[in-house]
Amino acid sequence: MVGFLSTLLIEIFQLILNYFYLGYRVFDVNDIILNFIGYILGLIIYIIIKFIFGRKIKLLSIKN
């Protein structure tokens, strides 16, 4: 949810800046979708790495 809301906030900010001619950024729905997909993939990779290394750490602490 944080990834989607932060992306949406940035895109809305770009839309406002473009409306008042303060910047040359363009609001694009594709940016929101692709950033959210990247957020989800990053979260999945984080969970997998945490599971793999968390399991090894628990096994090492049992042996000691």
N, C-alpha and C. Protein backbone atom coordinates (compact mmCIF):
# COMPACT_ATOMS: atom_id res chain seq x y z
N MET A 1 0.82 -1.20 0.00
CA MET A 1 0.00 0.00 0.00
C MET A 1 0.87 1.26 0.00
N VAL A 2 1.98 1.19 0.71
CA VAL A 2 2.87 2.34 0.78
C VAL A 2 3.46 2.65 -0.60
N GLY A 3 3.83 1.60 -1.34
CA GLY A 3 4.38 1.81 -2.67
C GLY A 3 3.40 2.47 -3.61
N PHE A 4 2.15 2.05 -3.56
CA PHE A 4 1.13 2.63 -4.42
C PHE A 4 0.85 4.08 -4.05
N LEU A 5 0.71 4.34 -2.76
CA LEU A 5 0.38 5.71 -2.33
C LEU A 5 1.52 6.68 -2.59
N SER A 6 2.76 6.24 -2.39
CA SER A 6 3.89 7.15 -2.65
C SER A 6 4.00 7.45 -4.14
N THR A 7 3.79 6.45 -4.98
CA THR A 7 3.82 6.67 -6.42
C THR A 7 2.69 7.60 -6.85
N LEU A 8 1.51 7.38 -6.31
CA LEU A 8 0.37 8.22 -6.64
C LEU A 8 0.61 9.66 -6.21
N LEU A 9 1.21 9.86 -5.04
CA LEU A 9 1.50 11.20 -4.55
C LEU A 9 2.49 11.91 -5.47
N ILE A 10 3.51 11.21 -5.91
CA ILE A 10 4.50 11.82 -6.81
C ILE A 10 3.85 12.19 -8.15
N GLU A 11 3.02 11.32 -8.68
CA GLU A 11 2.37 11.60 -9.96
C GLU A 11 1.39 12.77 -9.84
N ILE A 12 0.68 12.87 -8.74
CA ILE A 12 -0.23 14.00 -8.53
C ILE A 12 0.56 15.30 -8.41
N PHE A 13 1.70 15.22 -7.72
CA PHE A 13 2.57 16.39 -7.59
C PHE A 13 3.07 16.84 -8.96
N GLN A 14 3.42 15.90 -9.82
CA GLN A 14 3.85 16.24 -11.18
C GLN A 14 2.72 16.87 -11.97
N LEU A 15 1.51 16.36 -11.78
CA LEU A 15 0.34 16.92 -12.46
C LEU A 15 0.10 18.37 -12.04
N ILE A 16 0.24 18.63 -10.74
CA ILE A 16 0.03 19.99 -10.24
C ILE A 16 1.11 20.93 -10.77
N LEU A 17 2.37 20.48 -10.75
CA LEU A 17 3.45 21.31 -11.27
C LEU A 17 3.26 21.61 -12.75
N ASN A 18 2.83 20.63 -13.50
CA ASN A 18 2.61 20.82 -14.93
C ASN A 18 1.44 21.78 -15.17
N TYR A 19 0.42 21.73 -14.33
CA TYR A 19 -0.75 22.59 -14.48
C TYR A 19 -0.36 24.07 -14.31
N PHE A 20 0.53 24.34 -13.36
CA PHE A 20 0.95 25.72 -13.09
C PHE A 20 2.22 26.10 -13.85
N TYR A 21 2.62 25.29 -14.83
CA TYR A 21 3.80 25.55 -15.66
C TYR A 21 5.08 25.70 -14.84
N LEU A 22 5.18 24.93 -13.77
CA LEU A 22 6.37 24.99 -12.91
C LEU A 22 7.36 23.87 -13.21
N GLY A 23 6.98 22.96 -14.04
CA GLY A 23 7.86 21.87 -14.38
C GLY A 23 7.46 21.25 -15.69
N TYR A 24 8.32 20.42 -16.21
CA TYR A 24 8.03 19.79 -17.49
C TYR A 24 7.77 18.30 -17.32
N ARG A 25 7.33 17.89 -16.15
CA ARG A 25 7.01 16.50 -15.88
C ARG A 25 5.59 16.22 -16.34
N VAL A 26 5.32 14.97 -16.70
CA VAL A 26 4.01 14.60 -17.23
C VAL A 26 3.42 13.52 -16.35
N PHE A 27 2.14 13.66 -16.04
CA PHE A 27 1.40 12.65 -15.30
C PHE A 27 1.15 11.47 -16.23
N ASP A 28 1.51 10.27 -15.78
CA ASP A 28 1.34 9.09 -16.62
C ASP A 28 0.86 7.92 -15.76
N VAL A 29 -0.24 7.33 -16.14
CA VAL A 29 -0.80 6.21 -15.40
C VAL A 29 0.12 5.00 -15.48
N ASN A 30 0.84 4.85 -16.58
CA ASN A 30 1.77 3.73 -16.71
C ASN A 30 2.85 3.77 -15.64
N ASP A 31 3.29 4.96 -15.26
CA ASP A 31 4.28 5.07 -14.19
C ASP A 31 3.74 4.50 -12.88
N ILE A 32 2.49 4.79 -12.59
CA ILE A 32 1.88 4.28 -11.36
C ILE A 32 1.82 2.76 -11.39
N ILE A 33 1.37 2.20 -12.50
CA ILE A 33 1.24 0.75 -12.62
C ILE A 33 2.60 0.07 -12.54
N LEU A 34 3.58 0.56 -13.29
CA LEU A 34 4.90 -0.07 -13.31
C LEU A 34 5.63 0.08 -11.98
N ASN A 35 5.50 1.23 -11.33
CA ASN A 35 6.12 1.40 -10.02
C ASN A 35 5.49 0.48 -8.98
N PHE A 36 4.19 0.29 -9.06
CA PHE A 36 3.52 -0.60 -8.12
C PHE A 36 3.94 -2.06 -8.36
N ILE A 37 4.08 -2.46 -9.63
CA ILE A 37 4.55 -3.81 -9.93
C ILE A 37 5.98 -3.99 -9.40
N GLY A 38 6.82 -2.98 -9.57
CA GLY A 38 8.18 -3.04 -9.03
C GLY A 38 8.19 -3.14 -7.52
N TYR A 39 7.29 -2.43 -6.87
CA TYR A 39 7.17 -2.50 -5.41
C TYR A 39 6.78 -3.90 -4.97
N ILE A 40 5.81 -4.49 -5.65
CA ILE A 40 5.36 -5.85 -5.30
C ILE A 40 6.48 -6.86 -5.52
N LEU A 41 7.19 -6.77 -6.65
CA LEU A 41 8.30 -7.69 -6.92
C LEU A 41 9.41 -7.53 -5.88
N GLY A 42 9.73 -6.31 -5.51
CA GLY A 42 10.73 -6.07 -4.48
C GLY A 42 10.31 -6.64 -3.14
N LEU A 43 9.04 -6.52 -2.82
CA LEU A 43 8.52 -7.07 -1.56
C LEU A 43 8.61 -8.59 -1.57
N ILE A 44 8.28 -9.22 -2.69
CA ILE A 44 8.36 -10.67 -2.79
C ILE A 44 9.81 -11.15 -2.65
N ILE A 45 10.73 -10.46 -3.31
CA ILE A 45 12.15 -10.81 -3.20
C ILE A 45 12.64 -10.64 -1.76
N TYR A 46 12.21 -9.57 -1.11
CA TYR A 46 12.59 -9.35 0.29
C TYR A 46 12.08 -10.47 1.18
N ILE A 47 10.84 -10.89 0.99
CA ILE A 47 10.26 -11.96 1.82
C ILE A 47 11.00 -13.27 1.59
N ILE A 48 11.34 -13.57 0.34
CA ILE A 48 12.08 -14.80 0.04
C ILE A 48 13.46 -14.77 0.68
N ILE A 49 14.19 -13.67 0.55
CA ILE A 49 15.52 -13.57 1.14
C ILE A 49 15.45 -13.62 2.66
N LYS A 50 14.47 -12.97 3.24
CA LYS A 50 14.30 -13.00 4.69
C LYS A 50 13.99 -14.42 5.16
N PHE A 51 13.20 -15.15 4.41
CA PHE A 51 12.87 -16.53 4.77
C PHE A 51 14.11 -17.42 4.69
N ILE A 52 14.88 -17.28 3.63
CA ILE A 52 16.08 -18.12 3.44
C ILE A 52 17.12 -17.83 4.51
N PHE A 53 17.47 -16.56 4.69
CA PHE A 53 18.51 -16.22 5.66
C PHE A 53 18.01 -16.30 7.09
N GLY A 54 16.75 -16.04 7.32
CA GLY A 54 16.19 -16.18 8.66
C GLY A 54 16.21 -17.62 9.12
N ARG A 55 16.00 -18.54 8.20
CA ARG A 55 16.02 -19.96 8.52
C ARG A 55 17.44 -20.41 8.85
N LYS A 56 18.44 -19.93 8.10
CA LYS A 56 19.82 -20.29 8.37
C LYS A 56 20.29 -19.73 9.71
N ILE A 57 19.86 -18.53 10.04
CA ILE A 57 20.26 -17.94 11.32
C ILE A 57 19.68 -18.74 12.47
N LYS A 58 18.44 -19.19 12.35
CA LYS A 58 17.84 -20.00 13.42
C LYS A 58 18.55 -21.33 13.56
N LEU A 59 18.95 -21.95 12.43
CA LEU A 59 19.66 -23.21 12.50
C LEU A 59 21.02 -23.04 13.16
N LEU A 60 21.72 -21.97 12.86
CA LEU A 60 23.02 -21.72 13.48
C LEU A 60 22.89 -21.45 14.97
N SER A 61 21.85 -20.77 15.39
CA SER A 61 21.70 -20.46 16.82
C SER A 61 21.31 -21.70 17.61
N ILE A 62 20.66 -22.69 17.01
CA ILE A 62 20.30 -23.92 17.70
C ILE A 62 21.54 -24.76 17.96
N LYS A 63 22.48 -24.77 17.02
CA LYS A 63 23.69 -25.57 17.17
C LYS A 63 24.58 -25.03 18.27
N ASN A 64 24.57 -23.73 18.51
CA ASN A 64 25.45 -23.14 19.51
C ASN A 64 24.79 -23.33 20.82
